[in-house]
C-alpha atoms as a PDB file:
ATOM      1  CA  MET A   1       0.000   0.000   0.000  1.00  0.00           C
ATOM      2  CA  THR A   2       2.698   2.510   0.984  1.00  0.00           C
ATOM      3  CA  ARG A   3       4.826   1.725  -2.064  1.00  0.00           C
ATOM      4  CA  ASP A   4       1.871   2.227  -4.421  1.00  0.00           C
ATOM      5  CA  PHE A   5       0.969   5.482  -2.694  1.00  0.00           C
ATOM      6  CA  LEU A   6       4.513   6.851  -3.022  1.00  0.00           C
ATOM      7  CA  LEU A   7       4.724   5.813  -6.656  1.00  0.00           C
ATOM      8  CA  SER A   8       1.410   7.515  -7.425  1.00  0.00           C
ATOM      9  CA  LEU A   9       2.704  10.735  -5.831  1.00  0.00           C
ATOM     10  CA  MET A  10       5.916  10.580  -7.827  1.00  0.00           C
ATOM     11  CA  ASN A  11       4.127   9.818 -11.080  1.00  0.00           C
ATOM     12  CA  ALA A  12       1.708  12.704 -10.578  1.00  0.00           C
ATOM     13  CA  ASN A  13       4.510  15.149 -11.441  1.00  0.00           C
ATOM     14  CA  PRO A  14       6.553  14.840 -14.600  1.00  0.00           C
ATOM     15  CA  LEU A  15      10.217  14.101 -14.023  1.00  0.00           C
ATOM     16  CA  GLU A  16      11.370  17.536 -15.205  1.00  0.00           C
ATOM     17  CA  ASP A  17       9.036  19.305 -12.735  1.00  0.00           C
ATOM     18  CA  ARG A  18      10.459  17.591  -9.663  1.00  0.00           C
ATOM     19  CA  PRO A  19      12.851  19.652  -7.538  1.00  0.00           C
ATOM     20  CA  THR A  20      16.507  18.714  -7.593  1.00  0.00           C
ATOM     21  CA  MET A  21      18.373  17.705  -4.439  1.00  0.00           C
ATOM     22  CA  PRO A  22      20.231  21.058  -4.240  1.00  0.00           C
ATOM     23  CA  GLU A  23      16.865  22.876  -4.486  1.00  0.00           C
ATOM     24  CA  ILE A  24      15.399  20.715  -1.725  1.00  0.00           C
ATOM     25  CA  ARG A  25      18.501  21.246   0.444  1.00  0.00           C
ATOM     26  CA  LYS A  26      18.316  25.029  -0.086  1.00  0.00           C
ATOM     27  CA  ARG A  27      14.629  25.055   0.848  1.00  0.00           C
ATOM     28  CA  TYR A  28      15.294  23.101   4.057  1.00  0.00           C
ATOM     29  CA  VAL A  29      18.161  25.415   5.026  1.00  0.00           C
ATOM     30  CA  ILE A  30      16.101  28.575   4.450  1.00  0.00           C
ATOM     31  CA  GLU A  31      13.016  27.278   6.276  1.00  0.00           C
ATOM     32  CA  THR A  32      15.098  26.094   9.226  1.00  0.00           C
ATOM     33  CA  PHE A  33      16.947  29.423   9.322  1.00  0.00           C
ATOM     34  CA  TYR A  34      13.624  31.273   9.552  1.00  0.00           C
ATOM     35  CA  GLU A  35      12.690  29.036  12.503  1.00  0.00           C
ATOM     36  CA  VAL A  36      15.913  29.122  14.514  1.00  0.00           C
ATOM     37  CA  GLY A  37      17.621  32.288  13.247  1.00  0.00           C
ATOM     38  CA  ARG A  38      21.282  31.209  13.476  1.00  0.00           C
ATOM     39  CA  GLU A  39      23.295  29.342  10.887  1.00  0.00           C
ATOM     40  CA  ILE A  40      25.123  27.193  13.447  1.00  0.00           C
ATOM     41  CA  GLN A  41      21.792  25.923  14.781  1.00  0.00           C
ATOM     42  CA  VAL A  42      20.634  25.224  11.215  1.00  0.00           C
ATOM     43  CA  ALA A  43      23.794  23.217  10.557  1.00  0.00           C
ATOM     44  CA  LYS A  44      23.295  21.184  13.741  1.00  0.00           C
ATOM     45  CA  ALA A  45      19.586  20.606  13.144  1.00  0.00           C
ATOM     46  CA  LEU A  46      20.096  19.449   9.548  1.00  0.00           C
ATOM     47  CA  GLN A  47      23.427  17.703  10.260  1.00  0.00           C
ATOM     48  CA  MET A  48      25.143  19.774   7.573  1.00  0.00           C
ATOM     49  CA  ASP A  49      28.499  21.453   7.374  1.00  0.00           C
ATOM     50  CA  TYR A  50      28.393  24.985   8.817  1.00  0.00           C
ATOM     51  CA  ARG A  51      30.223  26.409   5.778  1.00  0.00           C
ATOM     52  CA  THR A  52      27.666  24.938   3.379  1.00  0.00           C
ATOM     53  CA  VAL A  53      24.788  26.431   5.378  1.00  0.00           C
ATOM     54  CA  SER A  54      26.519  29.836   5.461  1.00  0.00           C
ATOM     55  CA  GLU A  55      27.157  29.711   1.704  1.00  0.00           C
ATOM     56  CA  ILE A  56      23.493  28.958   0.939  1.00  0.00           C
ATOM     57  CA  LEU A  57      22.270  31.722   3.253  1.00  0.00           C
ATOM     58  CA  ARG A  58      24.731  34.249   1.789  1.00  0.00           C
ATOM     59  CA  LYS A  59      23.637  33.411  -1.771  1.00  0.00           C
ATOM     60  CA  GLU A  60      20.041  34.028  -0.711  1.00  0.00           C
ATOM     61  CA  LYS A  61      21.127  37.317   0.943  1.00  0.00           C
ATOM     62  CA  LEU A  62      19.920  36.188   4.359  1.00  0.00           C
ATOM     63  CA  LEU A  63      23.385  36.794   5.832  1.00  0.00           C
ATOM     64  CA  PRO A  64      25.734  39.722   5.237  1.00  0.00           C
ATOM     65  CA  PRO A  65      28.440  39.044   2.639  1.00  0.00           C
ATOM     66  CA  GLU A  66      31.908  38.011   3.748  1.00  0.00           C
ATOM     67  CA  PRO A  67      34.460  40.832   3.702  1.00  0.00           C
ATOM     68  CA  GLY A  68      35.588  41.298   0.114  1.00  0.00           C
ATOM     69  CA  ASP A  69      32.589  39.471  -1.409  1.00  0.00           C
ATOM     70  CA  ASP A  70      30.259  42.110  -2.856  1.00  0.00           C
ATOM     71  CA  ALA A  71      30.698  44.177   0.296  1.00  0.00           C
ATOM     72  CA  ASP A  72      29.136  47.174  -1.475  1.00  0.00           C
ATOM     73  CA  THR A  73      25.837  45.352  -2.032  1.00  0.00           C
ATOM     74  CA  PRO A  74      23.425  46.141   0.819  1.00  0.00           C
ATOM     75  CA  LEU A  75      21.855  43.203   2.645  1.00  0.00           C
ATOM     76  CA  PHE A  76      18.429  44.829   2.423  1.00  0.00           C
ATOM     77  CA  PRO A  77      18.422  47.250  -0.499  1.00  0.00           C
ATOM     78  CA  ASN A  78      16.461  50.463  -0.050  1.00  0.00           C
ATOM     79  CA  ASN A  79      13.373  50.169  -2.195  1.00  0.00           C
ATOM     80  CA  GLY A  80      11.834  53.453  -1.108  1.00  0.00           C
ATOM     81  CA  SER A  81       9.054  51.904   0.952  1.00  0.00           C
ATOM     82  CA  ASP A  82      10.662  52.236   4.384  1.00  0.00           C
ATOM     83  CA  ARG A  83       8.191  53.987   6.681  1.00  0.00           C
ATOM     84  CA  MET A  84      10.899  54.841   9.206  1.00  0.00           C
ATOM     85  CA  ASP A  85      12.948  56.704   6.607  1.00  0.00           C
ATOM     86  CA  PRO A  86      10.641  59.072   4.678  1.00  0.00           C
ATOM     87  CA  PRO A  87      11.865  60.337   1.304  1.00  0.00           C
ATOM     88  CA  VAL A  88      13.805  63.568   1.355  1.00  0.00           C
ATOM     89  CA  GLU A  89      12.321  66.385  -0.690  1.00  0.00           C
END
């Protein structure tokens, strides 16, 4: 019963529409980071290397860049909708 159920779920989506393992790993890292808030805790919870977790979070701009790596790019770019910082006229 379980095998047939799993096969029916897999066959419901065409092969090219299924997420890849790196996409699944990235999704788990991001969701866990939103829950726990620290990359070291994410690495422990998912039993992953800390450097891999940090790299994924930096690529997604959830962590500040390392010194020398696009240091001029702001972590949260100003999009003009900040209520605390009204536009200057």
